[in-house]
């Protein structure tokens, strides 16, 4: 029962071929929890999963399609998109 206060919001991003997001955790002061909203997606030639390491040290590879939302504890859970994005987006 802890209230969550919005502290930071980033705008839309458009990723281009070859984009990667290296493994990291976010700053607790601004990103205790985060969410990713897939607004639109072009013609990927390979899946481009969001990788999230949970509290039990298990790796989850989440494939997203437009309209999907991934909600995760970004200040404690390692997360990434280590594989380069393939295909025009």
Protein backbone atom coordinates (compact mmCIF):
# COMPACT_ATOMS: atom_id res chain seq x y z
CA UNK A 1 0.00 0.00 0.00
CA UNK A 2 2.63 2.61 -0.93
CA UNK A 3 1.57 5.47 -3.18
CA UNK A 4 3.56 5.93 -6.37
CA UNK A 5 4.42 9.47 -7.43
CA UNK A 6 5.20 10.27 -11.07
CA UNK A 7 8.63 11.90 -11.12
CA UNK A 8 9.85 11.57 -14.70
CA UNK A 9 8.22 10.84 -18.03
CA UNK A 10 10.10 10.42 -21.27
CA UNK A 11 8.43 11.06 -24.60
CA UNK A 12 8.05 8.77 -27.55
CA UNK A 13 11.16 7.17 -28.97
CA UNK A 14 11.70 5.79 -32.42
CA UNK A 15 14.46 3.22 -32.63
CA UNK A 16 16.41 2.62 -35.82
CA UNK A 17 18.13 -0.46 -37.17
CA UNK A 18 21.05 -1.51 -34.98
CA UNK A 19 19.69 0.17 -31.82
CA UNK A 20 20.56 -1.51 -28.50
CA UNK A 21 19.93 -0.81 -24.84
CA UNK A 22 22.73 -2.21 -22.70
CA UNK A 23 21.98 -3.95 -19.40
CA UNK A 24 21.42 -1.54 -16.52
CA UNK A 25 19.23 -0.55 -13.57
CA UNK A 26 17.65 2.88 -13.25
CA UNK A 27 18.15 5.45 -10.50
CA UNK A 28 15.85 4.71 -7.57
CA UNK A 29 15.13 8.41 -6.95
CA UNK A 30 13.42 8.79 -10.33
CA UNK A 31 12.69 5.29 -11.64
CA UNK A 32 11.56 2.92 -8.87
CA UNK A 33 9.15 1.40 -11.38
CA UNK A 34 8.93 1.88 -15.13
CA UNK A 35 6.74 0.88 -18.00
CA UNK A 36 7.25 0.53 -21.72
CA UNK A 37 4.34 1.08 -24.08
CA UNK A 38 4.72 -0.23 -27.63
CA UNK A 39 2.82 2.42 -29.60
CA UNK A 40 3.80 1.26 -33.08
CA UNK A 41 6.29 -1.10 -34.68
CA UNK A 42 7.66 -1.39 -38.19
CA UNK A 43 8.91 -4.37 -40.13
CA UNK A 44 11.36 -6.09 -37.81
CA UNK A 45 13.18 -8.98 -39.47
CA UNK A 46 13.95 -10.59 -36.06
CA UNK A 47 12.26 -10.33 -32.66
CA UNK A 48 13.65 -7.53 -30.45
CA UNK A 49 12.84 -8.60 -26.89
CA UNK A 50 12.95 -6.52 -23.74
CA UNK A 51 15.14 -8.47 -21.30
CA UNK A 52 14.30 -8.23 -17.59
CA UNK A 53 16.13 -10.09 -14.80
CA UNK A 54 13.71 -10.80 -11.93
CA UNK A 55 14.41 -10.93 -8.17
CA UNK A 56 15.14 -14.68 -8.39
CA UNK A 57 17.82 -13.96 -11.03
CA UNK A 58 15.72 -15.42 -13.87
CA UNK A 59 15.95 -13.76 -17.28
CA UNK A 60 12.65 -12.95 -19.01
CA UNK A 61 12.65 -12.04 -22.71
CA UNK A 62 9.44 -10.17 -23.46
CA UNK A 63 8.32 -9.82 -27.07
CA UNK A 64 6.11 -6.78 -27.57
CA UNK A 65 3.56 -5.90 -30.24
CA UNK A 66 1.75 -2.56 -30.66
CA UNK A 67 -0.54 -1.95 -27.69
CA UNK A 68 1.52 -4.06 -25.25
CA UNK A 69 2.76 -2.65 -21.93
CA UNK A 70 5.67 -3.99 -19.85
CA UNK A 71 5.69 -2.84 -16.21
CA UNK A 72 8.76 -3.64 -14.09
CA UNK A 73 10.79 -2.59 -11.06
CA UNK A 74 13.48 -0.77 -13.02
CA UNK A 75 15.60 0.44 -10.08
CA UNK A 76 16.16 -3.13 -8.84
CA UNK A 77 15.79 -5.39 -11.88
CA UNK A 78 18.48 -5.43 -14.56
CA UNK A 79 16.90 -4.70 -17.94
CA UNK A 80 18.08 -4.30 -21.51
CA UNK A 81 17.66 -4.84 -25.21
CA UNK A 82 21.11 -6.27 -25.84
CA UNK A 83 20.50 -7.60 -29.33
CA UNK A 84 20.70 -5.00 -32.10
CA UNK A 85 17.32 -4.20 -33.63
CA UNK A 86 17.06 -5.76 -37.11
CA UNK A 87 14.89 -4.28 -39.84
CA UNK A 88 13.48 -0.86 -40.67
CA UNK A 89 11.19 0.47 -38.00
